[in-house]
């Protein structure tokens, strides 16, 4: 396994393991709250932060965090105020954010030398030690918040009205969750790309839901699926010379298809008996 002798591949595998832990936790809540589109919206809008960072000569990562946090709060407002057509608002924000990012990027001095592709598709093999450290901090924060707020978030996810009547700070919890998702996306985006980060967040939990119905088990299975998908996708990418983020996403899609087909076959086998 010669790839493990390269420093960039070691960092890539470290980042993959950390993402595999984060993704099922956030992804499951996004799916159950029917907010998968929100992850796409935040990933597209995060490009505005990158563009503003270059335009203002400011740290793009910090600027992205600020932009995503603001948009995460706006999304919660839209979700509550426009429940009947919130998907339209999300679609407008998503396309508008991408359009604004492209315009801002064109205004940067020497903008033609800045390839938007590296932010759209990411590059997990160019991850730095600093990015791995940030991912590790985010991973610990996500796990700790899940362990501490698991039960309140469970109630909020399945019955927001009950959560409100029991005295839970519904709006604050939703905003905090949106912000956490936004921060995760802004940290993972340079690695997976804005077009693929939502798929990498959502798919491990979606696959795990095909294999288990118990809440905690879905997260644990999702972590295993995440490790399998991230590491195998990264390995295939290395030997085949394909983009890492795209390869990982395709591996997750293949796993989803296989688990869905397997579950269907098992169901048919039971009915035939």
C-alpha atoms as a PDB file:
ATOM      1  CA  UNK A   1       0.000   0.000   0.000  1.00  0.00           C
ATOM      2  CA  UNK A   2       2.372   2.665  -1.245  1.00  0.00           C
ATOM      3  CA  UNK A   3      -0.214   5.452  -0.931  1.00  0.00           C
ATOM      4  CA  UNK A   4       0.141   5.388   2.866  1.00  0.00           C
ATOM      5  CA  UNK A   5       3.774   6.487   2.530  1.00  0.00           C
ATOM      6  CA  UNK A   6       2.709   9.859   1.141  1.00  0.00           C
ATOM      7  CA  UNK A   7       1.960  12.625   3.631  1.00  0.00           C
ATOM      8  CA  UNK A   8      -0.935  14.038   1.607  1.00  0.00           C
ATOM      9  CA  UNK A   9      -2.635  10.631   1.520  1.00  0.00           C
ATOM     10  CA  UNK A  10      -2.162  10.184   5.275  1.00  0.00           C
ATOM     11  CA  UNK A  11      -3.873  13.532   5.851  1.00  0.00           C
ATOM     12  CA  UNK A  12      -6.582  12.592   3.360  1.00  0.00           C
ATOM     13  CA  UNK A  13      -7.364   9.364   5.206  1.00  0.00           C
ATOM     14  CA  UNK A  14      -7.372  11.185   8.551  1.00  0.00           C
ATOM     15  CA  UNK A  15      -9.833  13.726   7.161  1.00  0.00           C
ATOM     16  CA  UNK A  16     -11.965  10.929   5.689  1.00  0.00           C
ATOM     17  CA  UNK A  17     -12.279   9.185   9.055  1.00  0.00           C
ATOM     18  CA  UNK A  18     -13.298  12.435  10.755  1.00  0.00           C
ATOM     19  CA  UNK A  19     -15.885  13.221   8.074  1.00  0.00           C
ATOM     20  CA  UNK A  20     -17.237   9.665   8.408  1.00  0.00           C
ATOM     21  CA  UNK A  21     -18.016  10.391  12.075  1.00  0.00           C
ATOM     22  CA  UNK A  22     -19.559  13.809  11.471  1.00  0.00           C
ATOM     23  CA  UNK A  23     -21.684  12.997   8.428  1.00  0.00           C
ATOM     24  CA  UNK A  24     -24.180  10.444   9.863  1.00  0.00           C
ATOM     25  CA  UNK A  25     -25.000  12.589  12.900  1.00  0.00           C
ATOM     26  CA  UNK A  26     -25.781  15.728  10.928  1.00  0.00           C
ATOM     27  CA  UNK A  27     -27.132  13.838   7.923  1.00  0.00           C
ATOM     28  CA  UNK A  28     -29.723  11.893   9.904  1.00  0.00           C
ATOM     29  CA  UNK A  29     -31.174  15.027  11.482  1.00  0.00           C
ATOM     30  CA  UNK A  30     -31.206  16.768   8.102  1.00  0.00           C
ATOM     31  CA  UNK A  31     -33.115  13.875   6.535  1.00  0.00           C
ATOM     32  CA  UNK A  32     -35.632  13.538   9.369  1.00  0.00           C
ATOM     33  CA  UNK A  33     -36.190  17.305   9.463  1.00  0.00           C
ATOM     34  CA  UNK A  34     -36.625  17.262   5.658  1.00  0.00           C
ATOM     35  CA  UNK A  35     -33.771  19.736   5.293  1.00  0.00           C
ATOM     36  CA  UNK A  36     -31.554  17.934   2.796  1.00  0.00           C
ATOM     37  CA  UNK A  37     -32.024  20.849   0.407  1.00  0.00           C
ATOM     38  CA  UNK A  38     -30.789  23.186   3.141  1.00  0.00           C
ATOM     39  CA  UNK A  39     -27.408  21.450   3.055  1.00  0.00           C
ATOM     40  CA  UNK A  40     -27.217  22.056  -0.696  1.00  0.00           C
ATOM     41  CA  UNK A  41     -28.158  25.698  -0.183  1.00  0.00           C
ATOM     42  CA  UNK A  42     -25.502  26.262   2.471  1.00  0.00           C
ATOM     43  CA  UNK A  43     -22.851  24.552   0.358  1.00  0.00           C
ATOM     44  CA  UNK A  44     -23.601  26.823  -2.614  1.00  0.00           C
ATOM     45  CA  UNK A  45     -23.799  29.990  -0.526  1.00  0.00           C
ATOM     46  CA  UNK A  46     -20.481  29.128   1.127  1.00  0.00           C
ATOM     47  CA  UNK A  47     -18.834  29.997  -2.181  1.00  0.00           C
ATOM     48  CA  UNK A  48     -19.810  33.619  -1.514  1.00  0.00           C
ATOM     49  CA  UNK A  49     -17.570  33.537   1.551  1.00  0.00           C
ATOM     50  CA  UNK A  50     -14.673  32.203  -0.515  1.00  0.00           C
ATOM     51  CA  UNK A  51     -15.179  34.924  -3.137  1.00  0.00           C
ATOM     52  CA  UNK A  52     -15.495  37.679  -0.516  1.00  0.00           C
ATOM     53  CA  UNK A  53     -12.341  36.458   1.168  1.00  0.00           C
ATOM     54  CA  UNK A  54     -10.352  36.818  -2.046  1.00  0.00           C
ATOM     55  CA  UNK A  55     -12.007  40.132  -2.931  1.00  0.00           C
ATOM     56  CA  UNK A  56     -11.366  41.716   0.477  1.00  0.00           C
ATOM     57  CA  UNK A  57      -7.976  40.043   0.923  1.00  0.00           C
ATOM     58  CA  UNK A  58      -9.271  38.328   4.056  1.00  0.00           C
ATOM     59  CA  UNK A  59      -8.947  34.712   5.209  1.00  0.00           C
ATOM     60  CA  UNK A  60     -11.442  32.848   2.948  1.00  0.00           C
ATOM     61  CA  UNK A  61     -12.132  30.167   5.572  1.00  0.00           C
ATOM     62  CA  UNK A  62     -13.093  32.689   8.261  1.00  0.00           C
ATOM     63  CA  UNK A  63     -15.161  34.709   5.767  1.00  0.00           C
ATOM     64  CA  UNK A  64     -16.960  31.542   4.691  1.00  0.00           C
ATOM     65  CA  UNK A  65     -17.774  30.705   8.302  1.00  0.00           C
ATOM     66  CA  UNK A  66     -19.251  34.182   8.830  1.00  0.00           C
ATOM     67  CA  UNK A  67     -21.324  34.040   5.638  1.00  0.00           C
ATOM     68  CA  UNK A  68     -22.621  30.535   6.315  1.00  0.00           C
ATOM     69  CA  UNK A  69     -23.607  31.394   9.901  1.00  0.00           C
ATOM     70  CA  UNK A  70     -25.601  34.425   8.719  1.00  0.00           C
ATOM     71  CA  UNK A  71     -27.316  32.401   5.989  1.00  0.00           C
ATOM     72  CA  UNK A  72     -28.069  29.551   8.427  1.00  0.00           C
ATOM     73  CA  UNK A  73     -29.999  32.013  10.613  1.00  0.00           C
ATOM     74  CA  UNK A  74     -31.836  33.387   7.560  1.00  0.00           C
ATOM     75  CA  UNK A  75     -32.800  29.863   6.506  1.00  0.00           C
ATOM     76  CA  UNK A  76     -34.396  29.195   9.876  1.00  0.00           C
ATOM     77  CA  UNK A  77     -36.411  32.405   9.532  1.00  0.00           C
ATOM     78  CA  UNK A  78     -37.579  31.359   6.062  1.00  0.00           C
ATOM     79  CA  UNK A  79     -38.485  27.875   7.298  1.00  0.00           C
ATOM     80  CA  UNK A  80     -40.758  29.300   9.993  1.00  0.00           C
ATOM     81  CA  UNK A  81     -42.253  32.190   8.028  1.00  0.00           C
ATOM     82  CA  UNK A  82     -42.821  30.446   4.713  1.00  0.00           C
ATOM     83  CA  UNK A  83     -43.646  26.865   5.646  1.00  0.00           C
ATOM     84  CA  UNK A  84     -45.903  26.255   2.664  1.00  0.00           C
ATOM     85  CA  UNK A  85     -43.291  27.176   0.052  1.00  0.00           C
ATOM     86  CA  UNK A  86     -39.956  27.206   1.860  1.00  0.00           C
ATOM     87  CA  UNK A  87     -38.417  25.014  -0.881  1.00  0.00           C
ATOM     88  CA  UNK A  88     -38.809  27.910  -3.323  1.00  0.00           C
ATOM     89  CA  UNK A  89     -36.944  30.222  -0.954  1.00  0.00           C
ATOM     90  CA  UNK A  90     -34.167  27.661  -0.584  1.00  0.00           C
ATOM     91  CA  UNK A  91     -33.872  27.246  -4.349  1.00  0.00           C
ATOM     92  CA  UNK A  92     -33.640  31.028  -4.805  1.00  0.00           C
ATOM     93  CA  UNK A  93     -30.946  31.310  -2.117  1.00  0.00           C
ATOM     94  CA  UNK A  94     -29.038  28.390  -3.611  1.00  0.00           C
ATOM     95  CA  UNK A  95     -28.942  29.707  -7.167  1.00  0.00           C
ATOM     96  CA  UNK A  96     -28.525  33.303  -6.024  1.00  0.00           C
ATOM     97  CA  UNK A  97     -25.594  32.394  -3.791  1.00  0.00           C
ATOM     98  CA  UNK A  98     -23.802  30.560  -6.599  1.00  0.00           C
ATOM     99  CA  UNK A  99     -24.452  33.406  -9.043  1.00  0.00           C
ATOM    100  CA  UNK A 100     -23.194  36.015  -6.563  1.00  0.00           C
ATOM    101  CA  UNK A 101     -20.079  33.943  -5.859  1.00  0.00           C
ATOM    102  CA  UNK A 102     -19.256  33.726  -9.576  1.00  0.00           C
ATOM    103  CA  UNK A 103     -19.730  37.477 -10.028  1.00  0.00           C
ATOM    104  CA  UNK A 104     -17.589  38.304  -6.993  1.00  0.00           C
ATOM    105  CA  UNK A 105     -14.909  35.877  -8.141  1.00  0.00           C
ATOM    106  CA  UNK A 106     -14.749  37.649 -11.496  1.00  0.00           C
ATOM    107  CA  UNK A 107     -14.058  40.951  -9.709  1.00  0.00           C
ATOM    108  CA  UNK A 108     -11.000  39.626  -7.900  1.00  0.00           C
ATOM    109  CA  UNK A 109      -7.693  40.965  -9.268  1.00  0.00           C
ATOM    110  CA  UNK A 110      -6.334  38.239 -11.488  1.00  0.00           C
ATOM    111  CA  UNK A 111      -9.653  36.449 -11.041  1.00  0.00           C
ATOM    112  CA  UNK A 112      -9.083  34.406 -14.148  1.00  0.00           C
ATOM    113  CA  UNK A 113      -6.179  32.721 -12.362  1.00  0.00           C
ATOM    114  CA  UNK A 114      -8.439  31.578  -9.530  1.00  0.00           C
ATOM    115  CA  UNK A 115     -10.125  28.376 -10.573  1.00  0.00           C
ATOM    116  CA  UNK A 116     -13.648  28.077  -9.225  1.00  0.00           C
ATOM    117  CA  UNK A 117     -13.431  24.345  -9.987  1.00  0.00           C
ATOM    118  CA  UNK A 118     -11.268  23.699  -6.926  1.00  0.00           C
ATOM    119  CA  UNK A 119     -14.054  25.056  -4.726  1.00  0.00           C
ATOM    120  CA  UNK A 120     -16.884  23.438  -6.686  1.00  0.00           C
ATOM    121  CA  UNK A 121     -15.340  19.959  -6.645  1.00  0.00           C
ATOM    122  CA  UNK A 122     -12.761  20.181  -3.850  1.00  0.00           C
ATOM    123  CA  UNK A 123      -9.530  18.245  -3.470  1.00  0.00           C
ATOM    124  CA  UNK A 124      -9.212  15.935  -0.500  1.00  0.00           C
ATOM    125  CA  UNK A 125      -5.628  15.060  -1.442  1.00  0.00           C
ATOM    126  CA  UNK A 126      -4.455  18.674  -0.968  1.00  0.00           C
ATOM    127  CA  UNK A 127      -5.748  18.945   2.603  1.00  0.00           C
ATOM    128  CA  UNK A 128      -3.352  20.579   5.056  1.00  0.00           C
ATOM    129  CA  UNK A 129      -2.524  19.590   8.618  1.00  0.00           C
ATOM    130  CA  UNK A 130      -4.385  22.704   9.801  1.00  0.00           C
ATOM    131  CA  UNK A 131      -7.560  21.564   8.018  1.00  0.00           C
ATOM    132  CA  UNK A 132      -7.272  18.128   9.629  1.00  0.00           C
ATOM    133  CA  UNK A 133      -6.971  19.800  13.025  1.00  0.00           C
ATOM    134  CA  UNK A 134     -10.052  21.970  12.359  1.00  0.00           C
ATOM    135  CA  UNK A 135     -11.949  18.863  11.273  1.00  0.00           C
ATOM    136  CA  UNK A 136     -10.894  17.072  14.465  1.00  0.00           C
ATOM    137  CA  UNK A 137     -12.197  19.952  16.602  1.00  0.00           C
ATOM    138  CA  UNK A 138     -15.460  19.974  14.629  1.00  0.00           C
ATOM    139  CA  UNK A 139     -15.772  16.198  15.018  1.00  0.00           C
ATOM    140  CA  UNK A 140     -15.363  16.389  18.802  1.00  0.00           C
ATOM    141  CA  UNK A 141     -17.815  19.293  19.001  1.00  0.00           C
ATOM    142  CA  UNK A 142     -20.412  17.447  16.914  1.00  0.00           C
ATOM    143  CA  UNK A 143     -20.169  14.246  18.965  1.00  0.00           C
ATOM    144  CA  UNK A 144     -20.307  16.095  22.291  1.00  0.00           C
ATOM    145  CA  UNK A 145     -23.324  18.167  21.215  1.00  0.00           C
ATOM    146  CA  UNK A 146     -25.075  15.009  20.021  1.00  0.00           C
ATOM    147  CA  UNK A 147     -24.472  13.219  23.313  1.00  0.00           C
ATOM    148  CA  UNK A 148     -25.596  16.227  25.375  1.00  0.00           C
ATOM    149  CA  UNK A 149     -28.599  17.334  23.301  1.00  0.00           C
ATOM    150  CA  UNK A 150     -29.664  13.986  21.825  1.00  0.00           C
ATOM    151  CA  UNK A 151     -33.029  13.745  23.582  1.00  0.00           C
ATOM    152  CA  UNK A 152     -34.145  17.388  23.073  1.00  0.00           C
ATOM    153  CA  UNK A 153     -33.148  17.204  19.394  1.00  0.00           C
ATOM    154  CA  UNK A 154     -35.003  13.913  19.057  1.00  0.00           C
ATOM    155  CA  UNK A 155     -38.213  15.532  20.324  1.00  0.00           C
ATOM    156  CA  UNK A 156     -37.673  18.626  18.170  1.00  0.00           C
ATOM    157  CA  UNK A 157     -37.070  16.522  15.073  1.00  0.00           C
ATOM    158  CA  UNK A 158     -40.178  14.365  15.327  1.00  0.00           C
ATOM    159  CA  UNK A 159     -42.658  16.759  16.930  1.00  0.00           C
ATOM    160  CA  UNK A 160     -41.775  20.441  16.966  1.00  0.00           C
ATOM    161  CA  UNK A 161     -45.119  21.411  18.526  1.00  0.00           C
ATOM    162  CA  UNK A 162     -44.575  19.049  21.454  1.00  0.00           C
ATOM    163  CA  UNK A 163     -41.050  20.374  21.874  1.00  0.00           C
ATOM    164  CA  UNK A 164     -42.449  23.901  22.047  1.00  0.00           C
ATOM    165  CA  UNK A 165     -45.160  23.047  24.591  1.00  0.00           C
ATOM    166  CA  UNK A 166     -42.640  21.286  26.839  1.00  0.00           C
ATOM    167  CA  UNK A 167     -40.645  24.500  27.075  1.00  0.00           C
ATOM    168  CA  UNK A 168     -37.750  23.671  24.779  1.00  0.00           C
ATOM    169  CA  UNK A 169     -36.197  26.710  23.026  1.00  0.00           C
ATOM    170  CA  UNK A 170     -37.291  25.466  19.616  1.00  0.00           C
ATOM    171  CA  UNK A 171     -36.093  28.393  17.507  1.00  0.00           C
ATOM    172  CA  UNK A 172     -32.730  28.638  19.288  1.00  0.00           C
ATOM    173  CA  UNK A 173     -32.122  24.896  18.927  1.00  0.00           C
ATOM    174  CA  UNK A 174     -32.995  24.994  15.234  1.00  0.00           C
ATOM    175  CA  UNK A 175     -30.729  27.976  14.625  1.00  0.00           C
ATOM    176  CA  UNK A 176     -27.854  26.320  16.504  1.00  0.00           C
ATOM    177  CA  UNK A 177     -28.297  23.137  14.478  1.00  0.00           C
ATOM    178  CA  UNK A 178     -28.346  25.119  11.216  1.00  0.00           C
ATOM    179  CA  UNK A 179     -25.195  26.950  12.269  1.00  0.00           C
ATOM    180  CA  UNK A 180     -23.453  23.664  13.145  1.00  0.00           C
ATOM    181  CA  UNK A 181     -24.381  22.245   9.737  1.00  0.00           C
ATOM    182  CA  UNK A 182     -23.158  25.428   8.092  1.00  0.00           C
ATOM    183  CA  UNK A 183     -19.845  25.298   9.936  1.00  0.00           C
ATOM    184  CA  UNK A 184     -19.424  21.632   9.009  1.00  0.00           C
ATOM    185  CA  UNK A 185     -20.112  22.397   5.351  1.00  0.00           C
ATOM    186  CA  UNK A 186     -17.690  25.323   5.285  1.00  0.00           C
ATOM    187  CA  UNK A 187     -14.954  23.136   6.806  1.00  0.00           C
ATOM    188  CA  UNK A 188     -15.604  20.097   4.607  1.00  0.00           C
ATOM    189  CA  UNK A 189     -16.219  22.081   1.401  1.00  0.00           C
ATOM    190  CA  UNK A 190     -12.540  22.665   0.451  1.00  0.00           C
ATOM    191  CA  UNK A 191     -12.075  18.912   0.721  1.00  0.00           C
ATOM    192  CA  UNK A 192     -15.231  17.563  -0.946  1.00  0.00           C
ATOM    193  CA  UNK A 193     -16.344  20.593  -2.982  1.00  0.00           C
ATOM    194  CA  UNK A 194     -19.521  22.644  -2.679  1.00  0.00           C
ATOM    195  CA  UNK A 195     -21.345  20.511  -5.264  1.00  0.00           C
ATOM    196  CA  UNK A 196     -20.660  17.232  -3.447  1.00  0.00           C
ATOM    197  CA  UNK A 197     -20.436  18.082   0.247  1.00  0.00           C
ATOM    198  CA  UNK A 198     -24.181  17.713   0.818  1.00  0.00           C
ATOM    199  CA  UNK A 199     -24.168  14.256  -0.785  1.00  0.00           C
ATOM    200  CA  UNK A 200     -21.307  13.156   1.467  1.00  0.00           C
ATOM    201  CA  UNK A 201     -23.229  14.458   4.501  1.00  0.00           C
ATOM    202  CA  UNK A 202     -26.575  12.910   3.566  1.00  0.00           C
ATOM    203  CA  UNK A 203     -25.804   9.558   1.922  1.00  0.00           C
ATOM    204  CA  UNK A 204     -24.231   7.639   4.859  1.00  0.00           C
ATOM    205  CA  UNK A 205     -27.322   8.304   6.995  1.00  0.00           C
ATOM    206  CA  UNK A 206     -29.651   7.531   4.071  1.00  0.00           C
ATOM    207  CA  UNK A 207     -27.933   4.174   3.525  1.00  0.00           C
ATOM    208  CA  UNK A 208     -27.988   3.380   7.247  1.00  0.00           C
ATOM    209  CA  UNK A 209     -31.729   4.072   7.361  1.00  0.00           C
ATOM    210  CA  UNK A 210     -32.179   1.258   4.838  1.00  0.00           C
ATOM    211  CA  UNK A 211     -30.433  -1.119   7.229  1.00  0.00           C
ATOM    212  CA  UNK A 212     -31.830  -0.092  10.614  1.00  0.00           C
ATOM    213  CA  UNK A 213     -34.794   1.768  12.080  1.00  0.00           C
ATOM    214  CA  UNK A 214     -33.431   2.480  15.559  1.00  0.00           C
ATOM    215  CA  UNK A 215     -32.210   6.066  15.903  1.00  0.00           C
ATOM    216  CA  UNK A 216     -28.870   5.444  17.622  1.00  0.00           C
ATOM    217  CA  UNK A 217     -28.171   2.338  15.561  1.00  0.00           C
ATOM    218  CA  UNK A 218     -28.688   4.306  12.352  1.00  0.00           C
ATOM    219  CA  UNK A 219     -25.973   6.737  13.422  1.00  0.00           C
ATOM    220  CA  UNK A 220     -23.542   3.945  14.355  1.00  0.00           C
ATOM    221  CA  UNK A 221     -24.231   2.048  11.126  1.00  0.00           C
ATOM    222  CA  UNK A 222     -23.929   5.325   9.254  1.00  0.00           C
ATOM    223  CA  UNK A 223     -20.463   5.839  10.706  1.00  0.00           C
ATOM    224  CA  UNK A 224     -19.420   2.378   9.536  1.00  0.00           C
ATOM    225  CA  UNK A 225     -20.891   3.087   6.091  1.00  0.00           C
ATOM    226  CA  UNK A 226     -19.113   6.439   6.123  1.00  0.00           C
ATOM    227  CA  UNK A 227     -15.755   4.846   6.867  1.00  0.00           C
ATOM    228  CA  UNK A 228     -16.265   2.213   4.156  1.00  0.00           C
ATOM    229  CA  UNK A 229     -17.406   4.745   1.565  1.00  0.00           C
ATOM    230  CA  UNK A 230     -14.797   7.399   2.348  1.00  0.00           C
ATOM    231  CA  UNK A 231     -11.814   5.048   2.511  1.00  0.00           C
ATOM    232  CA  UNK A 232     -12.779   2.903  -0.481  1.00  0.00           C
ATOM    233  CA  UNK A 233     -13.636   5.972  -2.557  1.00  0.00           C
ATOM    234  CA  UNK A 234     -10.323   7.589  -1.657  1.00  0.00           C
ATOM    235  CA  UNK A 235      -8.421   4.406  -2.526  1.00  0.00           C
ATOM    236  CA  UNK A 236     -10.182   4.032  -5.886  1.00  0.00           C
ATOM    237  CA  UNK A 237      -9.502   7.701  -6.583  1.00  0.00           C
ATOM    238  CA  UNK A 238      -5.789   7.257  -5.900  1.00  0.00           C
ATOM    239  CA  UNK A 239      -5.321   4.256  -8.179  1.00  0.00           C
ATOM    240  CA  UNK A 240      -7.742   5.333 -10.920  1.00  0.00           C
ATOM    241  CA  UNK A 241      -6.635   8.966 -10.964  1.00  0.00           C
ATOM    242  CA  UNK A 242     -10.198  10.251 -10.573  1.00  0.00           C
ATOM    243  CA  UNK A 243     -11.396  13.226  -8.462  1.00  0.00           C
ATOM    244  CA  UNK A 244     -11.581  12.110  -4.845  1.00  0.00           C
ATOM    245  CA  UNK A 245     -14.811  13.876  -3.874  1.00  0.00           C
ATOM    246  CA  UNK A 246     -16.677  12.668  -6.942  1.00  0.00           C
ATOM    247  CA  UNK A 247     -15.399   9.107  -6.526  1.00  0.00           C
ATOM    248  CA  UNK A 248     -16.467   9.022  -2.869  1.00  0.00           C
ATOM    249  CA  UNK A 249     -19.934  10.297  -3.797  1.00  0.00           C
ATOM    250  CA  UNK A 250     -20.284   7.601  -6.484  1.00  0.00           C
ATOM    251  CA  UNK A 251     -19.219   4.897  -4.019  1.00  0.00           C
ATOM    252  CA  UNK A 252     -21.916   6.075  -1.588  1.00  0.00           C
ATOM    253  CA  UNK A 253     -24.512   6.040  -4.377  1.00  0.00           C
ATOM    254  CA  UNK A 254     -23.440   2.502  -5.325  1.00  0.00           C
ATOM    255  CA  UNK A 255     -23.775   1.427  -1.685  1.00  0.00           C
ATOM    256  CA  UNK A 256     -27.228   2.988  -1.519  1.00  0.00           C
ATOM    257  CA  UNK A 257     -28.321   1.112  -4.635  1.00  0.00           C
ATOM    258  CA  UNK A 258     -26.894  -2.178  -3.342  1.00  0.00           C
ATOM    259  CA  UNK A 259     -28.523  -1.865   0.087  1.00  0.00           C
ATOM    260  CA  UNK A 260     -31.855  -0.878  -1.455  1.00  0.00           C
ATOM    261  CA  UNK A 261     -31.736  -3.796  -3.887  1.00  0.00           C
ATOM    262  CA  UNK A 262     -30.672  -6.184  -1.130  1.00  0.00           C
ATOM    263  CA  UNK A 263     -33.500  -5.062   1.125  1.00  0.00           C
ATOM    264  CA  UNK A 264     -35.985  -5.465  -1.713  1.00  0.00           C
ATOM    265  CA  UNK A 265     -34.750  -8.982  -2.475  1.00  0.00           C
ATOM    266  CA  UNK A 266     -34.984  -9.968   1.191  1.00  0.00           C
ATOM    267  CA  UNK A 267     -38.532  -8.619   1.325  1.00  0.00           C
ATOM    268  CA  UNK A 268     -39.496 -10.610  -1.758  1.00  0.00           C
ATOM    269  CA  UNK A 269     -37.884 -13.742  -0.287  1.00  0.00           C
ATOM    270  CA  UNK A 270     -39.941 -13.399   2.899  1.00  0.00           C
ATOM    271  CA  UNK A 271     -43.211 -12.914   1.017  1.00  0.00           C
ATOM    272  CA  UNK A 272     -42.507 -15.930  -1.224  1.00  0.00           C
ATOM    273  CA  UNK A 273     -42.269 -18.157   1.839  1.00  0.00           C
END
